[in-house]
């Protein structure tokens, strides 16, 4: 029927207006911008480069009271001409507040713009799926993560703990520790062309870090940090190899950095 009476039209318009007035407002998308410097770029216990500047764009949207969609774009590049390492990452994740813990599932695509080990050597990309669970246990926050790399068919497990101490109204001290474990050779050994040839399941590293977030406005935070990375059996050869090649890496290494983050 193509004809609608004026009474029917008026009723439909009134119903639509009522539905719009009673429906909950859509959650806005929150954005954050970050930029920082790392004296050494160490990821999951593996040394990549030094003198790195990095930038990150993040976005999040609440889909419900318990479900949040997140996305990120991250870029880092070394200013050391010995390696000229560059990396660009794109990722998305869903976080679910289950009450007993916050559960997250996500995907990340890694672009290695000058090779995985720099100077054009090694793979040029990787991709992974990961899951994590985060929970406050007593005085500390605990996060367990498992990631599976589709490029090398290997996994990585990590347990992290952190504790925040309020120092002033605008400054906190955050102490953190992480321990990583390679499953089936998660980037534990490389051949002459820079490709992963590891196949062992072994501890990768322990990382200790202290950071000092300082709120400089309602939306901006400046965070300097210091950290110490201790290589396990899954990182000793590669990190010490970077030191032997005079690239800047070390088997056990102290490093530092700072970042500025704005949320809007």
Protein backbone atom coordinates (compact mmCIF):
# COMPACT_ATOMS: atom_id res chain seq x y z
CA UNK A 1 0.00 0.00 0.00
CA UNK A 2 1.58 3.27 -1.08
CA UNK A 3 -0.87 5.69 0.60
CA UNK A 4 -0.57 6.48 4.31
CA UNK A 5 -3.23 8.52 6.06
CA UNK A 6 -2.24 11.71 7.89
CA UNK A 7 -3.19 10.10 11.21
CA UNK A 8 -0.87 7.16 10.52
CA UNK A 9 1.93 9.49 9.44
CA UNK A 10 1.54 11.61 12.56
CA UNK A 11 1.59 8.48 14.73
CA UNK A 12 4.76 7.20 13.08
CA UNK A 13 6.53 10.55 13.48
CA UNK A 14 5.52 10.77 17.13
CA UNK A 15 6.75 7.21 17.78
CA UNK A 16 10.07 7.97 16.11
CA UNK A 17 10.52 11.14 18.16
CA UNK A 18 9.71 9.25 21.37
CA UNK A 19 12.19 6.51 20.51
CA UNK A 20 14.94 9.07 19.87
CA UNK A 21 14.23 10.86 23.14
CA UNK A 22 14.28 7.68 25.24
CA UNK A 23 17.17 5.84 23.52
CA UNK A 24 20.54 6.14 25.32
CA UNK A 25 23.01 8.53 23.73
CA UNK A 26 25.69 6.88 21.63
CA UNK A 27 29.08 6.65 23.32
CA UNK A 28 31.57 9.08 21.74
CA UNK A 29 34.89 7.90 20.40
CA UNK A 30 37.79 8.81 22.68
CA UNK A 31 41.17 9.55 21.09
CA UNK A 32 44.68 9.77 22.47
CA UNK A 33 47.92 10.96 20.93
CA UNK A 34 51.35 10.01 22.28
CA UNK A 35 54.93 10.73 21.34
CA UNK A 36 58.08 9.56 23.05
CA UNK A 37 61.76 8.65 23.06
CA UNK A 38 63.45 5.36 24.01
CA UNK A 39 67.21 5.15 24.49
CA UNK A 40 66.84 1.47 23.50
CA UNK A 41 63.91 -0.12 21.70
CA UNK A 42 63.41 -3.46 23.44
CA UNK A 43 60.20 -5.38 22.71
CA UNK A 44 59.35 -8.57 24.60
CA UNK A 45 62.92 -8.77 25.78
CA UNK A 46 64.46 -8.54 22.30
CA UNK A 47 66.73 -5.59 21.43
CA UNK A 48 65.89 -3.95 18.08
CA UNK A 49 67.58 -0.55 17.94
CA UNK A 50 68.47 2.53 19.95
CA UNK A 51 67.82 6.28 19.95
CA UNK A 52 64.20 5.70 18.90
CA UNK A 53 61.50 8.31 18.50
CA UNK A 54 57.94 6.95 18.44
CA UNK A 55 54.37 8.13 17.89
CA UNK A 56 51.01 6.52 18.66
CA UNK A 57 47.38 7.29 17.82
CA UNK A 58 44.77 5.43 19.85
CA UNK A 59 40.98 5.34 19.72
CA UNK A 60 38.36 3.64 21.86
CA UNK A 61 34.58 3.39 21.84
CA UNK A 62 32.33 1.84 24.46
CA UNK A 63 29.92 -0.56 22.79
CA UNK A 64 28.17 -1.31 26.08
CA UNK A 65 28.77 -0.93 29.81
CA UNK A 66 31.16 -3.88 29.71
CA UNK A 67 32.51 -3.98 26.14
CA UNK A 68 35.02 -1.54 24.57
CA UNK A 69 36.47 -1.47 21.05
CA UNK A 70 40.05 -0.16 20.75
CA UNK A 71 42.35 0.67 17.86
CA UNK A 72 45.90 1.96 17.44
CA UNK A 73 48.49 3.06 14.92
CA UNK A 74 52.11 3.09 16.13
CA UNK A 75 55.38 4.12 14.47
CA UNK A 76 58.94 3.99 15.78
CA UNK A 77 62.25 4.73 14.06
CA UNK A 78 65.87 4.64 15.15
CA UNK A 79 68.03 7.72 14.76
CA UNK A 80 71.16 5.52 14.81
CA UNK A 81 72.43 5.22 11.24
CA UNK A 82 74.00 1.84 12.02
CA UNK A 83 70.61 0.13 11.72
CA UNK A 84 67.99 2.67 10.58
CA UNK A 85 65.32 0.39 12.06
CA UNK A 86 61.71 1.40 11.35
CA UNK A 87 58.42 -0.21 12.42
CA UNK A 88 54.76 0.63 11.82
CA UNK A 89 51.96 -1.26 13.60
CA UNK A 90 48.18 -1.31 13.20
CA UNK A 91 46.01 -3.03 15.79
CA UNK A 92 42.48 -3.51 17.07
CA UNK A 93 41.08 -5.20 20.17
CA UNK A 94 37.91 -5.85 22.16
CA UNK A 95 38.03 -5.52 25.94
CA UNK A 96 35.31 -7.11 28.08
CA UNK A 97 34.82 -6.32 31.76
CA UNK A 98 33.80 -9.70 33.11
CA UNK A 99 33.71 -8.53 36.72
CA UNK A 100 36.34 -10.95 37.96
CA UNK A 101 38.83 -9.64 35.35
CA UNK A 102 39.11 -7.58 32.18
CA UNK A 103 39.45 -9.91 29.19
CA UNK A 104 40.91 -8.67 25.91
CA UNK A 105 41.24 -10.22 22.46
CA UNK A 106 43.09 -8.42 19.70
CA UNK A 107 44.99 -8.47 16.43
CA UNK A 108 48.17 -6.59 15.40
CA UNK A 109 49.85 -6.25 12.01
CA UNK A 110 53.54 -5.28 12.12
CA UNK A 111 55.33 -3.63 9.19
CA UNK A 112 59.17 -3.75 9.37
CA UNK A 113 60.02 -1.01 6.91
CA UNK A 114 63.77 -1.74 6.84
CA UNK A 115 63.68 -5.42 7.75
CA UNK A 116 63.07 -7.15 11.07
CA UNK A 117 66.68 -6.73 12.19
CA UNK A 118 67.35 -3.47 10.35
CA UNK A 119 69.54 -2.69 7.33
CA UNK A 120 67.04 -4.48 5.09
CA UNK A 121 67.60 -7.91 6.68
CA UNK A 122 64.88 -10.29 7.85
CA UNK A 123 61.14 -10.41 7.28
CA UNK A 124 59.22 -7.28 6.33
CA UNK A 125 55.98 -8.01 8.22
CA UNK A 126 54.34 -10.11 10.91
CA UNK A 127 50.86 -10.50 12.30
CA UNK A 128 49.52 -11.91 15.53
CA UNK A 129 46.38 -12.63 17.51
CA UNK A 130 46.51 -12.22 21.26
CA UNK A 131 44.40 -12.61 24.38
CA UNK A 132 44.96 -11.20 27.85
CA UNK A 133 43.39 -11.13 31.28
CA UNK A 134 43.95 -8.27 33.74
CA UNK A 135 42.95 -8.24 37.39
CA UNK A 136 43.81 -6.42 40.60
CA UNK A 137 45.14 -8.94 43.11
CA UNK A 138 45.65 -7.46 46.56
CA UNK A 139 47.85 -4.36 46.17
CA UNK A 140 49.03 -5.04 42.59
CA UNK A 141 47.62 -5.26 39.07
CA UNK A 142 48.33 -8.54 37.29
CA UNK A 143 48.12 -9.11 33.54
CA UNK A 144 48.61 -12.42 31.73
CA UNK A 145 49.03 -12.35 27.93
CA UNK A 146 49.34 -14.95 25.20
CA UNK A 147 50.18 -13.99 21.60
CA UNK A 148 50.44 -16.20 18.53
CA UNK A 149 52.56 -15.03 15.60
CA UNK A 150 51.14 -16.27 12.29
CA UNK A 151 54.34 -15.56 10.33
CA UNK A 152 56.60 -17.89 12.32
CA UNK A 153 53.90 -20.15 13.86
CA UNK A 154 55.14 -19.60 17.39
CA UNK A 155 53.70 -18.21 20.61
CA UNK A 156 54.69 -15.86 23.38
CA UNK A 157 53.41 -15.80 26.98
CA UNK A 158 53.94 -12.99 29.46
CA UNK A 159 53.08 -12.29 33.07
CA UNK A 160 53.20 -8.65 34.22
CA UNK A 161 52.61 -7.00 37.59
CA UNK A 162 52.54 -3.32 38.51
CA UNK A 163 51.81 -1.13 41.50
CA UNK A 164 51.02 2.60 41.55
CA UNK A 165 52.00 4.87 44.43
CA UNK A 166 50.47 8.34 44.62
CA UNK A 167 53.12 10.94 45.41
CA UNK A 168 51.23 14.20 44.91
CA UNK A 169 47.90 15.26 43.38
CA UNK A 170 49.53 15.24 39.95
CA UNK A 171 52.39 12.74 40.22
CA UNK A 172 52.56 8.97 40.72
CA UNK A 173 55.26 6.35 40.85
CA UNK A 174 54.57 3.12 38.94
CA UNK A 175 56.75 0.06 39.57
CA UNK A 176 56.37 -2.81 37.10
CA UNK A 177 57.88 -6.19 36.33
CA UNK A 178 57.39 -8.51 33.34
CA UNK A 179 58.55 -12.04 32.56
CA UNK A 180 58.27 -13.54 29.07
CA UNK A 181 58.36 -17.08 27.72
CA UNK A 182 58.88 -18.28 24.13
CA UNK A 183 56.73 -21.15 22.91
CA UNK A 184 58.19 -23.10 19.93
CA UNK A 185 60.85 -20.51 19.15
CA UNK A 186 59.30 -17.05 19.32
CA UNK A 187 62.13 -15.04 17.73
CA UNK A 188 64.85 -16.75 19.73
CA UNK A 189 67.51 -17.36 17.06
CA UNK A 190 68.26 -15.84 13.65
CA UNK A 191 70.15 -17.01 10.57
CA UNK A 192 72.56 -14.93 8.51
CA UNK A 193 69.71 -13.33 6.55
CA UNK A 194 67.98 -12.15 9.73
CA UNK A 195 65.11 -14.68 9.70
CA UNK A 196 63.95 -16.51 12.83
CA UNK A 197 65.13 -20.13 13.01
CA UNK A 198 64.45 -20.77 16.70
CA UNK A 199 62.29 -23.72 17.74
CA UNK A 200 62.81 -24.00 21.49
CA UNK A 201 60.40 -23.20 24.32
CA UNK A 202 62.39 -21.12 26.78
CA UNK A 203 62.31 -18.06 29.04
CA UNK A 204 62.99 -14.88 27.11
CA UNK A 205 63.55 -12.14 29.69
CA UNK A 206 62.65 -10.32 32.88
CA UNK A 207 62.03 -6.58 32.67
CA UNK A 208 61.96 -4.18 35.63
CA UNK A 209 60.67 -0.65 35.15
CA UNK A 210 59.92 2.48 37.18
CA UNK A 211 57.91 5.30 35.62
CA UNK A 212 56.74 8.67 36.92
CA UNK A 213 53.47 9.84 35.31
CA UNK A 214 53.03 13.60 35.81
CA UNK A 215 49.68 15.18 34.95
CA UNK A 216 50.48 18.55 33.38
CA UNK A 217 46.85 19.37 32.52
CA UNK A 218 43.41 17.75 32.60
CA UNK A 219 44.19 15.96 29.33
CA UNK A 220 47.99 15.66 29.10
CA UNK A 221 50.48 13.47 30.97
CA UNK A 222 54.28 13.46 30.81
CA UNK A 223 55.93 10.16 31.79
CA UNK A 224 59.68 9.59 32.16
CA UNK A 225 60.89 6.06 32.92
CA UNK A 226 63.92 3.92 33.61
CA UNK A 227 64.10 0.18 32.97
CA UNK A 228 66.40 -2.83 33.10
CA UNK A 229 66.09 -5.81 30.75
CA UNK A 230 67.63 -9.14 31.76
CA UNK A 231 67.89 -11.67 28.93
CA UNK A 232 66.80 -15.23 29.45
CA UNK A 233 68.08 -18.17 27.39
CA UNK A 234 65.75 -17.16 24.55
CA UNK A 235 67.34 -13.72 24.18
CA UNK A 236 70.98 -14.10 25.30
CA UNK A 237 72.37 -15.02 21.89
CA UNK A 238 70.57 -12.34 19.87
CA UNK A 239 70.99 -9.49 22.35
CA UNK A 240 74.65 -10.31 22.96
CA UNK A 241 75.10 -10.59 19.18
CA UNK A 242 73.89 -7.02 18.76
CA UNK A 243 76.48 -5.97 21.33
CA UNK A 244 79.24 -7.92 19.56
CA UNK A 245 78.33 -6.22 16.29
CA UNK A 246 78.65 -2.85 18.02
CA UNK A 247 75.03 -1.97 17.26
CA UNK A 248 74.16 -0.95 20.82
CA UNK A 249 72.39 -3.99 22.23
CA UNK A 250 73.50 -5.83 25.37
CA UNK A 251 72.61 -9.13 26.99
CA UNK A 252 71.43 -7.30 30.12
CA UNK A 253 70.66 -3.65 29.54
CA UNK A 254 69.66 -0.50 31.37
CA UNK A 255 67.66 1.99 29.30
CA UNK A 256 65.38 5.00 29.73
CA UNK A 257 62.92 7.23 27.96
CA UNK A 258 59.97 9.58 28.23
CA UNK A 259 56.60 10.18 26.60
CA UNK A 260 53.88 12.80 26.35
CA UNK A 261 50.25 11.69 26.03
CA UNK A 262 47.15 13.77 25.35
CA UNK A 263 43.58 12.41 25.64
CA UNK A 264 40.57 14.05 24.03
